[in-house]
Amino acid sequence: MLRTIMLSRYIAAQGRLVEVLTDGRITIRVGEKLLQGYPVT
């Protein structure tokens, strides 16, 4: 499932969902990289 996260105020990234963290952030995979951020609703 594709999800979008905010990395900063103006930068977003989209990738496959890997994990949901306890503080509300999620981890996504973009290519070979794992990125964490707050999901866009």
PDB file of N, CA and C in Angstrom:
ATOM      1  N   MET A   1       0.835  -1.161   0.000  1.00  0.00           N
ATOM      2  CA  MET A   1       0.000   0.000   0.000  1.00  0.00           C
ATOM      3  C   MET A   1       0.894   1.243   0.000  1.00  0.00           C
ATOM      4  N   LEU A   2       0.651   2.162  -0.900  1.00  0.00           N
ATOM      5  CA  LEU A   2       1.427   3.400  -0.976  1.00  0.00           C
ATOM      6  C   LEU A   2       0.947   4.386   0.078  1.00  0.00           C
ATOM      7  N   ARG A   3       1.900   5.027   0.740  1.00  0.00           N
ATOM      8  CA  ARG A   3       1.577   6.058   1.731  1.00  0.00           C
ATOM      9  C   ARG A   3       2.459   7.265   1.487  1.00  0.00           C
ATOM     10  N   THR A   4       1.980   8.424   1.894  1.00  0.00           N
ATOM     11  CA  THR A   4       2.729   9.670   1.763  1.00  0.00           C
ATOM     12  C   THR A   4       3.057  10.190   3.152  1.00  0.00           C
ATOM     13  N   ILE A   5       4.303  10.624   3.341  1.00  0.00           N
ATOM     14  CA  ILE A   5       4.722  11.197   4.625  1.00  0.00           C
ATOM     15  C   ILE A   5       5.313  12.581   4.386  1.00  0.00           C
ATOM     16  N   MET A   6       5.291  13.375   5.443  1.00  0.00           N
ATOM     17  CA  MET A   6       5.946  14.679   5.413  1.00  0.00           C
ATOM     18  C   MET A   6       7.299  14.549   6.105  1.00  0.00           C
ATOM     19  N   LEU A   7       8.363  14.886   5.370  1.00  0.00           N
ATOM     20  CA  LEU A   7       9.716  14.853   5.929  1.00  0.00           C
ATOM     21  C   LEU A   7      10.063  16.187   6.580  1.00  0.00           C
ATOM     22  N   SER A   8       9.522  17.251   6.044  1.00  0.00           N
ATOM     23  CA  SER A   8       9.683  18.586   6.619  1.00  0.00           C
ATOM     24  C   SER A   8       8.444  19.381   6.228  1.00  0.00           C
ATOM     25  N   ARG A   9       8.459  20.651   6.495  1.00  0.00           N
ATOM     26  CA  ARG A   9       7.271  21.469   6.218  1.00  0.00           C
ATOM     27  C   ARG A   9       6.902  21.489   4.735  1.00  0.00           C
ATOM     28  N   TYR A  10       7.914  21.400   3.850  1.00  0.00           N
ATOM     29  CA  TYR A  10       7.665  21.523   2.415  1.00  0.00           C
ATOM     30  C   TYR A  10       8.045  20.297   1.599  1.00  0.00           C
ATOM     31  N   ILE A  11       8.558  19.264   2.219  1.00  0.00           N
ATOM     32  CA  ILE A  11       9.040  18.083   1.488  1.00  0.00           C
ATOM     33  C   ILE A  11       8.238  16.853   1.889  1.00  0.00           C
ATOM     34  N   ALA A  12       7.663  16.188   0.883  1.00  0.00           N
ATOM     35  CA  ALA A  12       6.896  14.965   1.106  1.00  0.00           C
ATOM     36  C   ALA A  12       7.546  13.829   0.329  1.00  0.00           C
ATOM     37  N   ALA A  13       7.290  12.599   0.761  1.00  0.00           N
ATOM     38  CA  ALA A  13       7.799  11.421   0.067  1.00  0.00           C
ATOM     39  C   ALA A  13       6.691  10.376   0.033  1.00  0.00           C
ATOM     40  N   GLN A  14       6.678   9.586  -1.025  1.00  0.00           N
ATOM     41  CA  GLN A  14       5.664   8.544  -1.181  1.00  0.00           C
ATOM     42  C   GLN A  14       6.363   7.211  -1.400  1.00  0.00           C
ATOM     43  N   GLY A  15       5.874   6.173  -0.714  1.00  0.00           N
ATOM     44  CA  GLY A  15       6.468   4.855  -0.856  1.00  0.00           C
ATOM     45  C   GLY A  15       5.585   3.795  -0.223  1.00  0.00           C
ATOM     46  N   ARG A  16       6.098   2.565  -0.210  1.00  0.00           N
ATOM     47  CA  ARG A  16       5.350   1.441   0.363  1.00  0.00           C
ATOM     48  C   ARG A  16       5.463   1.427   1.881  1.00  0.00           C
ATOM     49  N   LEU A  17       4.333   1.210   2.552  1.00  0.00           N
ATOM     50  CA  LEU A  17       4.286   1.176   4.007  1.00  0.00           C
ATOM     51  C   LEU A  17       5.076  -0.011   4.530  1.00  0.00           C
ATOM     52  N   VAL A  18       5.943   0.242   5.518  1.00  0.00           N
ATOM     53  CA  VAL A  18       6.745  -0.806   6.144  1.00  0.00           C
ATOM     54  C   VAL A  18       6.289  -1.038   7.579  1.00  0.00           C
ATOM     55  N   GLU A  19       6.095   0.065   8.342  1.00  0.00           N
ATOM     56  CA  GLU A  19       5.836  -0.064   9.770  1.00  0.00           C
ATOM     57  C   GLU A  19       5.110   1.163  10.293  1.00  0.00           C
ATOM     58  N   VAL A  20       4.271   0.972  11.308  1.00  0.00           N
ATOM     59  CA  VAL A  20       3.609   2.071  12.011  1.00  0.00           C
ATOM     60  C   VAL A  20       4.248   2.169  13.391  1.00  0.00           C
ATOM     61  N   LEU A  21       4.763   3.343  13.734  1.00  0.00           N
ATOM     62  CA  LEU A  21       5.449   3.546  15.009  1.00  0.00           C
ATOM     63  C   LEU A  21       4.478   4.023  16.081  1.00  0.00           C
ATOM     64  N   THR A  22       4.861   3.847  17.338  1.00  0.00           N
ATOM     65  CA  THR A  22       3.965   4.174  18.455  1.00  0.00           C
ATOM     66  C   THR A  22       3.726   5.668  18.618  1.00  0.00           C
ATOM     67  N   ASP A  23       4.631   6.513  18.101  1.00  0.00           N
ATOM     68  CA  ASP A  23       4.468   7.958  18.261  1.00  0.00           C
ATOM     69  C   ASP A  23       3.657   8.597  17.127  1.00  0.00           C
ATOM     70  N   GLY A  24       3.067   7.770  16.244  1.00  0.00           N
ATOM     71  CA  GLY A  24       2.225   8.286  15.171  1.00  0.00           C
ATOM     72  C   GLY A  24       2.918   8.384  13.831  1.00  0.00           C
ATOM     73  N   ARG A  25       4.246   8.249  13.808  1.00  0.00           N
ATOM     74  CA  ARG A  25       4.970   8.277  12.538  1.00  0.00           C
ATOM     75  C   ARG A  25       4.872   6.925  11.861  1.00  0.00           C
ATOM     76  N   ILE A  26       5.170   6.891  10.566  1.00  0.00           N
ATOM     77  CA  ILE A  26       5.215   5.632   9.837  1.00  0.00           C
ATOM     78  C   ILE A  26       6.548   5.536   9.100  1.00  0.00           C
ATOM     79  N   THR A  27       6.919   4.322   8.759  1.00  0.00           N
ATOM     80  CA  THR A  27       8.126   4.068   7.978  1.00  0.00           C
ATOM     81  C   THR A  27       7.695   3.599   6.600  1.00  0.00           C
ATOM     82  N   ILE A  28       8.294   4.196   5.563  1.00  0.00           N
ATOM     83  CA  ILE A  28       8.012   3.780   4.193  1.00  0.00           C
ATOM     84  C   ILE A  28       9.322   3.397   3.511  1.00  0.00           C
ATOM     85  N   ARG A  29       9.218   2.594   2.460  1.00  0.00           N
ATOM     86  CA  ARG A  29      10.375   2.223   1.654  1.00  0.00           C
ATOM     87  C   ARG A  29      10.284   2.941   0.320  1.00  0.00           C
ATOM     88  N   VAL A  30      11.349   3.674  -0.004  1.00  0.00           N
ATOM     89  CA  VAL A  30      11.461   4.378  -1.283  1.00  0.00           C
ATOM     90  C   VAL A  30      12.723   3.828  -1.951  1.00  0.00           C
ATOM     91  N   GLY A  31      12.541   2.934  -2.896  1.00  0.00           N
ATOM     92  CA  GLY A  31      13.692   2.256  -3.486  1.00  0.00           C
ATOM     93  C   GLY A  31      14.330   1.373  -2.444  1.00  0.00           C
ATOM     94  N   GLU A  32      15.596   1.634  -2.141  1.00  0.00           N
ATOM     95  CA  GLU A  32      16.285   0.863  -1.104  1.00  0.00           C
ATOM     96  C   GLU A  32      16.346   1.609   0.226  1.00  0.00           C
ATOM     97  N   LYS A  33      15.817   2.832   0.274  1.00  0.00           N
ATOM     98  CA  LYS A  33      15.877   3.644   1.491  1.00  0.00           C
ATOM     99  C   LYS A  33      14.617   3.501   2.325  1.00  0.00           C
ATOM    100  N   LEU A  34      14.779   3.575   3.640  1.00  0.00           N
ATOM    101  CA  LEU A  34      13.655   3.618   4.576  1.00  0.00           C
ATOM    102  C   LEU A  34      13.571   5.038   5.132  1.00  0.00           C
ATOM    103  N   LEU A  35      12.372   5.615   5.066  1.00  0.00           N
ATOM    104  CA  LEU A  35      12.149   6.980   5.556  1.00  0.00           C
ATOM    105  C   LEU A  35      11.048   6.967   6.609  1.00  0.00           C
ATOM    106  N   GLN A  36      11.195   7.813   7.627  1.00  0.00           N
ATOM    107  CA  GLN A  36      10.183   7.923   8.669  1.00  0.00           C
ATOM    108  C   GLN A  36       9.654   9.351   8.694  1.00  0.00           C
ATOM    109  N   GLY A  37       8.350   9.460   8.910  1.00  0.00           N
ATOM    110  CA  GLY A  37       7.724  10.772   9.003  1.00  0.00           C
ATOM    111  C   GLY A  37       6.264  10.635   9.370  1.00  0.00           C
ATOM    112  N   TYR A  38       5.597  11.774   9.474  1.00  0.00           N
ATOM    113  CA  TYR A  38       4.179  11.773   9.835  1.00  0.00           C
ATOM    114  C   TYR A  38       3.320  11.599   8.573  1.00  0.00           C
ATOM    115  N   PRO A  39       2.328  10.714   8.622  1.00  0.00           N
ATOM    116  CA  PRO A  39       1.503  10.471   7.442  1.00  0.00           C
ATOM    117  C   PRO A  39       0.649  11.679   7.071  1.00  0.00           C
ATOM    118  N   VAL A  40       0.431  11.842   5.778  1.00  0.00           N
ATOM    119  CA  VAL A  40      -0.450  12.885   5.264  1.00  0.00           C
ATOM    120  C   VAL A  40      -1.856  12.308   5.258  1.00  0.00           C
ATOM    121  N   THR A  41      -2.796  13.054   5.841  1.00  0.00           N
ATOM    122  CA  THR A  41      -4.179  12.542   5.889  1.00  0.00           C
ATOM    123  C   THR A  41      -5.030  13.176   4.840  1.00  0.00           C
TER     124      THR A  41
END
